[in-house]
Amino acid sequence: MQSKIAVGSAGLFGRGYLQGTQSQLDFLPEKHTDFIFTMIVEEFGLVGGAVVLGLFAALMALAMQVALRARSLFGKLTAAGMAATLACYVFINTAMVIGLVPVVGIPLPLLSYGGTAMVTLMVGFAIVLSIDLHRDQTGARGWLW
């Protein structure tokens, strides 16, 4: 409920950096992990929330671009899967903080304190970058690989 109050009272440009009442007065539970998007929207408003979601959309679009350019089926499926994983994390977290879905404890990737989500996404995007780097190579190079 406090999260919805914080998002609803933010306005277009928010209250200002470290000026949010819900986050600074400790009304928000777990503001560094699950409710980081609420804190961003309360302090930077609708514009700040739209910028964060736009950056996530750009990252998903880049992963899908790698998926479309990859020549192997493994590369296509892996890059598209990483884009879908990021999309699920972002959708569930943002829907959770504005009250569309129940609170389930999914952190916002790359911004929240969640360590396991960060490590798995970083490994996944490292694989996506490797797929993009090696997309022009064809065939196996050795006996085991």
N, C-alpha and C. Protein backbone atom coordinates (compact mmCIF):
# COMPACT_ATOMS: atom_id res chain seq x y z
N MET A 1 0.82 -1.18 0.00
CA MET A 1 0.00 0.00 0.00
C MET A 1 0.88 1.26 0.00
N GLN A 2 1.95 1.23 0.76
CA GLN A 2 2.86 2.38 0.81
C GLN A 2 3.53 2.62 -0.53
N SER A 3 3.75 1.55 -1.28
CA SER A 3 4.35 1.68 -2.60
C SER A 3 3.42 2.42 -3.54
N LYS A 4 2.14 2.08 -3.50
CA LYS A 4 1.17 2.76 -4.35
C LYS A 4 1.03 4.23 -3.96
N ILE A 5 1.12 4.53 -2.69
CA ILE A 5 1.07 5.92 -2.23
C ILE A 5 2.27 6.69 -2.76
N ALA A 6 3.45 6.07 -2.70
CA ALA A 6 4.67 6.73 -3.16
C ALA A 6 4.63 6.99 -4.66
N VAL A 7 4.18 6.01 -5.44
CA VAL A 7 4.11 6.18 -6.89
C VAL A 7 3.05 7.21 -7.26
N GLY A 8 1.91 7.16 -6.58
CA GLY A 8 0.82 8.07 -6.88
C GLY A 8 1.10 9.52 -6.52
N SER A 9 1.90 9.74 -5.51
CA SER A 9 2.18 11.11 -5.08
C SER A 9 3.41 11.71 -5.74
N ALA A 10 4.06 10.97 -6.62
CA ALA A 10 5.31 11.45 -7.21
C ALA A 10 5.11 12.58 -8.21
N GLY A 11 4.07 12.51 -9.01
CA GLY A 11 3.84 13.53 -10.02
C GLY A 11 4.70 13.30 -11.25
N LEU A 12 4.82 14.32 -12.06
CA LEU A 12 5.53 14.20 -13.32
C LEU A 12 7.05 14.18 -13.13
N PHE A 13 7.57 15.03 -12.25
CA PHE A 13 9.02 15.13 -12.06
C PHE A 13 9.48 14.66 -10.68
N GLY A 14 8.60 14.18 -9.84
CA GLY A 14 8.98 13.63 -8.55
C GLY A 14 9.24 14.68 -7.49
N ARG A 15 9.68 14.21 -6.35
CA ARG A 15 9.93 15.10 -5.22
C ARG A 15 11.36 15.59 -5.14
N GLY A 16 12.25 14.99 -5.89
CA GLY A 16 13.65 15.37 -5.85
C GLY A 16 14.49 14.29 -5.22
N TYR A 17 15.78 14.32 -5.53
CA TYR A 17 16.71 13.31 -5.03
C TYR A 17 16.76 13.33 -3.51
N LEU A 18 16.51 12.17 -2.90
CA LEU A 18 16.48 11.96 -1.45
C LEU A 18 15.43 12.81 -0.75
N GLN A 19 14.36 13.17 -1.43
CA GLN A 19 13.29 13.97 -0.84
C GLN A 19 11.97 13.20 -0.75
N GLY A 20 11.95 11.94 -1.11
CA GLY A 20 10.72 11.15 -1.06
C GLY A 20 10.31 10.85 0.37
N THR A 21 9.06 11.12 0.70
CA THR A 21 8.61 10.93 2.07
C THR A 21 8.46 9.45 2.42
N GLN A 22 7.92 8.65 1.52
CA GLN A 22 7.71 7.24 1.82
C GLN A 22 9.03 6.48 1.95
N SER A 23 9.99 6.83 1.13
CA SER A 23 11.25 6.10 1.17
C SER A 23 12.18 6.61 2.28
N GLN A 24 12.23 7.89 2.50
CA GLN A 24 13.15 8.43 3.49
C GLN A 24 12.66 8.23 4.92
N LEU A 25 11.36 8.12 5.11
CA LEU A 25 10.82 7.91 6.45
C LEU A 25 10.57 6.44 6.75
N ASP A 26 11.15 5.55 5.93
CA ASP A 26 11.10 4.10 6.12
C ASP A 26 9.69 3.52 6.13
N PHE A 27 8.80 4.08 5.32
CA PHE A 27 7.48 3.47 5.15
C PHE A 27 7.52 2.35 4.12
N LEU A 28 8.50 2.38 3.24
CA LEU A 28 8.63 1.34 2.22
C LEU A 28 9.45 0.18 2.75
N PRO A 29 8.91 -1.02 2.72
CA PRO A 29 9.72 -2.18 3.11
C PRO A 29 10.65 -2.58 1.97
N GLU A 30 11.84 -2.98 2.31
CA GLU A 30 12.81 -3.47 1.32
C GLU A 30 12.98 -2.51 0.15
N LYS A 31 13.24 -1.25 0.45
CA LYS A 31 13.36 -0.25 -0.62
C LYS A 31 14.63 -0.40 -1.43
N HIS A 32 15.60 -1.13 -0.96
CA HIS A 32 16.85 -1.32 -1.71
C HIS A 32 16.81 -2.55 -2.61
N THR A 33 15.81 -3.42 -2.43
CA THR A 33 15.74 -4.61 -3.28
C THR A 33 14.45 -4.63 -4.09
N ASP A 34 13.36 -5.03 -3.47
CA ASP A 34 12.12 -5.25 -4.20
C ASP A 34 11.44 -3.96 -4.63
N PHE A 35 11.57 -2.91 -3.88
CA PHE A 35 10.83 -1.68 -4.16
C PHE A 35 11.74 -0.53 -4.60
N ILE A 36 12.81 -0.85 -5.30
CA ILE A 36 13.71 0.19 -5.80
C ILE A 36 13.04 1.03 -6.87
N PHE A 37 12.17 0.43 -7.67
CA PHE A 37 11.48 1.19 -8.72
C PHE A 37 10.52 2.21 -8.09
N THR A 38 9.90 1.87 -6.98
CA THR A 38 9.05 2.82 -6.27
C THR A 38 9.85 4.02 -5.80
N MET A 39 11.02 3.75 -5.27
CA MET A 39 11.88 4.83 -4.79
C MET A 39 12.32 5.74 -5.94
N ILE A 40 12.66 5.14 -7.09
CA ILE A 40 13.07 5.92 -8.26
C ILE A 40 11.91 6.79 -8.74
N VAL A 41 10.72 6.21 -8.83
CA VAL A 41 9.57 6.97 -9.31
C VAL A 41 9.18 8.07 -8.31
N GLU A 42 9.27 7.79 -7.02
CA GLU A 42 8.92 8.81 -6.04
C GLU A 42 9.89 9.99 -6.10
N GLU A 43 11.15 9.71 -6.31
CA GLU A 43 12.13 10.80 -6.31
C GLU A 43 12.26 11.50 -7.66
N PHE A 44 12.08 10.76 -8.77
CA PHE A 44 12.28 11.35 -10.10
C PHE A 44 11.01 11.41 -10.94
N GLY A 45 9.91 10.94 -10.41
CA GLY A 45 8.62 11.08 -11.06
C GLY A 45 8.39 10.14 -12.23
N LEU A 46 7.34 10.46 -12.97
CA LEU A 46 6.98 9.67 -14.13
C LEU A 46 8.09 9.70 -15.17
N VAL A 47 8.76 10.83 -15.28
CA VAL A 47 9.86 10.96 -16.25
C VAL A 47 11.00 10.01 -15.90
N GLY A 48 11.38 9.96 -14.64
CA GLY A 48 12.46 9.06 -14.21
C GLY A 48 12.09 7.61 -14.40
N GLY A 49 10.84 7.24 -14.07
CA GLY A 49 10.40 5.87 -14.28
C GLY A 49 10.38 5.49 -15.76
N ALA A 50 9.96 6.44 -16.60
CA ALA A 50 9.94 6.18 -18.04
C ALA A 50 11.35 6.03 -18.59
N VAL A 51 12.29 6.79 -18.08
CA VAL A 51 13.69 6.67 -18.52
C VAL A 51 14.25 5.30 -18.15
N VAL A 52 13.99 4.86 -16.93
CA VAL A 52 14.47 3.54 -16.49
C VAL A 52 13.85 2.44 -17.35
N LEU A 53 12.54 2.50 -17.58
CA LEU A 53 11.90 1.49 -18.40
C LEU A 53 12.36 1.57 -19.85
N GLY A 54 12.65 2.77 -20.33
CA GLY A 54 13.17 2.92 -21.69
C GLY A 54 14.55 2.31 -21.84
N LEU A 55 15.39 2.46 -20.82
CA LEU A 55 16.72 1.84 -20.86
C LEU A 55 16.63 0.31 -20.85
N PHE A 56 15.70 -0.22 -20.05
CA PHE A 56 15.50 -1.67 -20.07
C PHE A 56 14.98 -2.12 -21.43
N ALA A 57 14.07 -1.35 -22.03
CA ALA A 57 13.56 -1.70 -23.36
C ALA A 57 14.67 -1.67 -24.39
N ALA A 58 15.59 -0.71 -24.28
CA ALA A 58 16.72 -0.65 -25.22
C ALA A 58 17.63 -1.87 -25.05
N LEU A 59 17.86 -2.29 -23.81
CA LEU A 59 18.68 -3.47 -23.56
C LEU A 59 18.01 -4.73 -24.12
N MET A 60 16.70 -4.83 -23.96
CA MET A 60 15.98 -5.97 -24.52
C MET A 60 16.02 -5.94 -26.05
N ALA A 61 15.91 -4.75 -26.63
CA ALA A 61 15.96 -4.62 -28.09
C ALA A 61 17.34 -5.01 -28.62
N LEU A 62 18.39 -4.65 -27.90
CA LEU A 62 19.74 -5.04 -28.33
C LEU A 62 19.93 -6.55 -28.26
N ALA A 63 19.38 -7.17 -27.22
CA ALA A 63 19.48 -8.63 -27.13
C ALA A 63 18.69 -9.30 -28.25
N MET A 64 17.54 -8.75 -28.59
CA MET A 64 16.76 -9.31 -29.69
C MET A 64 17.44 -9.08 -31.04
N GLN A 65 18.15 -7.97 -31.17
CA GLN A 65 18.91 -7.71 -32.39
C GLN A 65 20.02 -8.74 -32.55
N VAL A 66 20.68 -9.09 -31.46
CA VAL A 66 21.70 -10.14 -31.50
C VAL A 66 21.05 -11.46 -31.88
N ALA A 67 19.85 -11.72 -31.34
CA ALA A 67 19.15 -12.97 -31.66
C ALA A 67 18.80 -13.04 -33.15
N LEU A 68 18.39 -11.93 -33.72
CA LEU A 68 18.03 -11.92 -35.14
C LEU A 68 19.24 -12.05 -36.05
N ARG A 69 20.40 -11.54 -35.62
CA ARG A 69 21.60 -11.60 -36.45
C ARG A 69 22.38 -12.89 -36.29
N ALA A 70 22.11 -13.64 -35.24
CA ALA A 70 22.87 -14.88 -35.00
C ALA A 70 22.57 -15.89 -36.09
N ARG A 71 23.58 -16.67 -36.44
CA ARG A 71 23.41 -17.67 -37.50
C ARG A 71 23.02 -19.04 -36.96
N SER A 72 23.43 -19.34 -35.76
CA SER A 72 23.11 -20.66 -35.20
C SER A 72 21.79 -20.61 -34.44
N LEU A 73 21.13 -21.73 -34.37
CA LEU A 73 19.88 -21.82 -33.63
C LEU A 73 20.11 -21.61 -32.14
N PHE A 74 21.23 -22.13 -31.63
CA PHE A 74 21.58 -21.92 -30.22
C PHE A 74 21.72 -20.44 -29.92
N GLY A 75 22.40 -19.70 -30.78
CA GLY A 75 22.57 -18.27 -30.57
C GLY A 75 21.26 -17.53 -30.60
N LYS A 76 20.39 -17.88 -31.53
CA LYS A 76 19.08 -17.22 -31.62
C LYS A 76 18.26 -17.46 -30.37
N LEU A 77 18.19 -18.72 -29.94
CA LEU A 77 17.37 -19.07 -28.78
C LEU A 77 17.94 -18.51 -27.48
N THR A 78 19.26 -18.52 -27.34
CA THR A 78 19.87 -18.02 -26.11
C THR A 78 19.69 -16.51 -25.98
N ALA A 79 19.94 -15.77 -27.03
CA ALA A 79 19.80 -14.32 -26.97
C ALA A 79 18.34 -13.92 -26.77
N ALA A 80 17.43 -14.59 -27.46
CA ALA A 80 16.00 -14.29 -27.27
C ALA A 80 15.55 -14.68 -25.86
N GLY A 81 16.09 -15.76 -25.34
CA GLY A 81 15.77 -16.18 -23.98
C GLY A 81 16.25 -15.20 -22.94
N MET A 82 17.43 -14.62 -23.16
CA MET A 82 17.93 -13.61 -22.22
C MET A 82 17.08 -12.34 -22.28
N ALA A 83 16.65 -11.96 -23.47
CA ALA A 83 15.75 -10.80 -23.59
C ALA A 83 14.43 -11.08 -22.88
N ALA A 84 13.92 -12.29 -23.03
CA ALA A 84 12.66 -12.66 -22.38
C ALA A 84 12.82 -12.72 -20.86
N THR A 85 13.96 -13.21 -20.39
CA THR A 85 14.21 -13.25 -18.96
C THR A 85 14.25 -11.86 -18.37
N LEU A 86 14.95 -10.95 -19.04
CA LEU A 86 15.00 -9.57 -18.58
C LEU A 86 13.61 -8.94 -18.60
N ALA A 87 12.84 -9.21 -19.65
CA ALA A 87 11.49 -8.67 -19.74
C ALA A 87 10.61 -9.17 -18.61
N CYS A 88 10.75 -10.45 -18.26
CA CYS A 88 9.96 -11.01 -17.15
C CYS A 88 10.33 -10.38 -15.82
N TYR A 89 11.63 -10.24 -15.57
CA TYR A 89 12.07 -9.58 -14.34
C TYR A 89 11.52 -8.17 -14.23
N VAL A 90 11.64 -7.39 -15.30
CA VAL A 90 11.20 -6.00 -15.27
C VAL A 90 9.69 -5.91 -15.14
N PHE A 91 8.95 -6.72 -15.91
CA PHE A 91 7.50 -6.66 -15.84
C PHE A 91 6.99 -7.05 -14.46
N ILE A 92 7.50 -8.14 -13.90
CA ILE A 92 7.01 -8.60 -12.60
C ILE A 92 7.33 -7.58 -11.52
N ASN A 93 8.53 -7.01 -11.53
CA ASN A 93 8.87 -6.04 -10.50
C ASN A 93 8.05 -4.77 -10.62
N THR A 94 7.92 -4.23 -11.82
CA THR A 94 7.16 -2.99 -11.94
C THR A 94 5.67 -3.21 -11.69
N ALA A 95 5.13 -4.35 -12.12
CA ALA A 95 3.73 -4.65 -11.83
C ALA A 95 3.53 -4.88 -10.34
N MET A 96 4.52 -5.42 -9.68
CA MET A 96 4.43 -5.67 -8.24
C MET A 96 4.40 -4.37 -7.46
N VAL A 97 5.23 -3.41 -7.82
CA VAL A 97 5.30 -2.18 -7.02
C VAL A 97 4.12 -1.25 -7.26
N ILE A 98 3.42 -1.40 -8.39
CA ILE A 98 2.23 -0.56 -8.58
C ILE A 98 0.94 -1.30 -8.26
N GLY A 99 1.05 -2.53 -7.77
CA GLY A 99 -0.09 -3.24 -7.23
C GLY A 99 -0.87 -4.09 -8.22
N LEU A 100 -0.32 -4.39 -9.38
CA LEU A 100 -1.04 -5.23 -10.35
C LEU A 100 -0.92 -6.71 -10.04
N VAL A 101 0.21 -7.12 -9.48
CA VAL A 101 0.42 -8.51 -9.09
C VAL A 101 0.85 -8.53 -7.63
N PRO A 102 0.70 -9.67 -6.96
CA PRO A 102 1.12 -9.73 -5.55
C PRO A 102 2.64 -9.58 -5.39
N VAL A 103 3.05 -9.19 -4.22
CA VAL A 103 4.47 -9.02 -3.92
C VAL A 103 5.11 -10.40 -3.84
N VAL A 104 6.08 -10.65 -4.73
CA VAL A 104 6.69 -11.97 -4.80
C VAL A 104 8.19 -11.94 -4.53
N GLY A 105 8.81 -10.79 -4.43
CA GLY A 105 10.23 -10.73 -4.10
C GLY A 105 11.16 -10.80 -5.28
N ILE A 106 10.73 -10.38 -6.45
CA ILE A 106 11.59 -10.35 -7.63
C ILE A 106 12.30 -9.00 -7.68
N PRO A 107 13.62 -8.96 -7.66
CA PRO A 107 14.32 -7.67 -7.72
C PRO A 107 14.33 -7.09 -9.12
N LEU A 108 14.51 -5.79 -9.22
CA LEU A 108 14.65 -5.14 -10.51
C LEU A 108 16.09 -5.33 -10.96
N PRO A 109 16.32 -6.00 -12.10
CA PRO A 109 17.69 -6.33 -12.48
C PRO A 109 18.53 -5.09 -12.71
N LEU A 110 19.81 -5.20 -12.36
CA LEU A 110 20.84 -4.18 -12.54
C LEU A 110 20.66 -2.97 -11.65
N LEU A 111 19.57 -2.87 -10.91
CA LEU A 111 19.37 -1.74 -10.00
C LEU A 111 19.21 -2.17 -8.55
N SER A 112 18.57 -3.30 -8.32
CA SER A 112 18.30 -3.75 -6.96
C SER A 112 19.54 -4.40 -6.35
N TYR A 113 19.43 -4.65 -5.06
CA TYR A 113 20.52 -5.25 -4.31
C TYR A 113 20.60 -6.75 -4.52
N GLY A 114 19.65 -7.37 -5.20
CA GLY A 114 19.61 -8.82 -5.37
C GLY A 114 20.85 -9.37 -6.06
N GLY A 115 21.64 -10.15 -5.37
CA GLY A 115 22.91 -10.63 -5.90
C GLY A 115 22.78 -11.77 -6.88
N THR A 116 21.89 -12.73 -6.61
CA THR A 116 21.75 -13.87 -7.49
C THR A 116 21.19 -13.47 -8.85
N ALA A 117 20.19 -12.61 -8.85
CA ALA A 117 19.62 -12.13 -10.12
C ALA A 117 20.67 -11.37 -10.92
N MET A 118 21.47 -10.59 -10.24
CA MET A 118 22.52 -9.82 -10.92
C MET A 118 23.55 -10.75 -11.56
N VAL A 119 23.99 -11.75 -10.83
CA VAL A 119 25.00 -12.67 -11.36
C VAL A 119 24.46 -13.47 -12.54
N THR A 120 23.25 -13.98 -12.42
CA THR A 120 22.71 -14.77 -13.52
C THR A 120 22.48 -13.93 -14.77
N LEU A 121 22.00 -12.70 -14.60
CA LEU A 121 21.80 -11.84 -15.76
C LEU A 121 23.13 -11.41 -16.38
N MET A 122 24.13 -11.16 -15.57
CA MET A 122 25.44 -10.78 -16.12
C MET A 122 26.07 -11.94 -16.88
N VAL A 123 25.94 -13.16 -16.37
CA VAL A 123 26.46 -14.32 -17.09
C VAL A 123 25.68 -14.51 -18.40
N GLY A 124 24.37 -14.35 -18.33
CA GLY A 124 23.56 -14.48 -19.53
C GLY A 124 23.90 -13.44 -20.58
N PHE A 125 24.10 -12.20 -20.18
CA PHE A 125 24.45 -11.17 -21.16
C PHE A 125 25.88 -11.31 -21.64
N ALA A 126 26.74 -11.92 -20.84
CA ALA A 126 28.08 -12.22 -21.35
C ALA A 126 27.99 -13.27 -22.46
N ILE A 127 27.11 -14.23 -22.30
CA ILE A 127 26.90 -15.23 -23.36
C ILE A 127 26.31 -14.57 -24.60
N VAL A 128 25.38 -13.63 -24.41
CA VAL A 128 24.80 -12.92 -25.55
C VAL A 128 25.88 -12.12 -26.28
N LEU A 129 26.75 -11.47 -25.55
CA LEU A 129 27.85 -10.73 -26.18
C LEU A 129 28.80 -11.68 -26.92
N SER A 130 29.02 -12.86 -26.36
CA SER A 130 29.85 -13.85 -27.03
C SER A 130 29.19 -14.35 -28.31
N ILE A 131 27.88 -14.51 -28.27
CA ILE A 131 27.15 -14.91 -29.48
C ILE A 131 27.30 -13.85 -30.55
N ASP A 132 27.20 -12.60 -30.17
CA ASP A 132 27.35 -11.52 -31.15
C ASP A 132 28.78 -11.44 -31.68
N LEU A 133 29.75 -11.69 -30.82
CA LEU A 133 31.15 -11.62 -31.22
C LEU A 133 31.52 -12.74 -32.19
N HIS A 134 30.99 -13.93 -31.97
CA HIS A 134 31.35 -15.10 -32.77
C HIS A 134 30.29 -15.49 -33.79
N ARG A 135 29.46 -14.58 -34.21
CA ARG A 135 28.35 -14.95 -35.11
C ARG A 135 28.82 -15.32 -36.51
N ASP A 136 29.99 -14.88 -36.94
CA ASP A 136 30.46 -15.17 -38.29
C ASP A 136 31.26 -16.46 -38.39
N GLN A 137 31.56 -17.09 -37.26
CA GLN A 137 32.31 -18.34 -37.29
C GLN A 137 31.38 -19.49 -37.64
N THR A 138 31.85 -20.38 -38.47
CA THR A 138 31.04 -21.53 -38.85
C THR A 138 31.79 -22.81 -38.53
N GLY A 139 31.05 -23.83 -38.15
CA GLY A 139 31.63 -25.14 -37.93
C GLY A 139 32.37 -25.27 -36.62
N ALA A 140 32.70 -26.52 -36.29
CA ALA A 140 33.45 -26.81 -35.06
C ALA A 140 34.93 -26.58 -35.30
N ARG A 141 35.62 -26.19 -34.22
CA ARG A 141 37.05 -25.91 -34.33
C ARG A 141 37.91 -27.03 -33.81
N GLY A 142 37.37 -27.92 -33.06
CA GLY A 142 38.20 -28.96 -32.49
C GLY A 142 37.40 -30.23 -32.24
N TRP A 143 38.05 -31.19 -31.63
CA TRP A 143 37.44 -32.48 -31.40
C TRP A 143 36.33 -32.41 -30.35
N LEU A 144 36.54 -31.66 -29.29
CA LEU A 144 35.56 -31.58 -28.20
C LEU A 144 34.59 -30.44 -28.37
N TRP A 145 34.90 -29.45 -29.14
CA TRP A 145 33.99 -28.31 -29.26
C TRP A 145 33.81 -27.97 -30.69
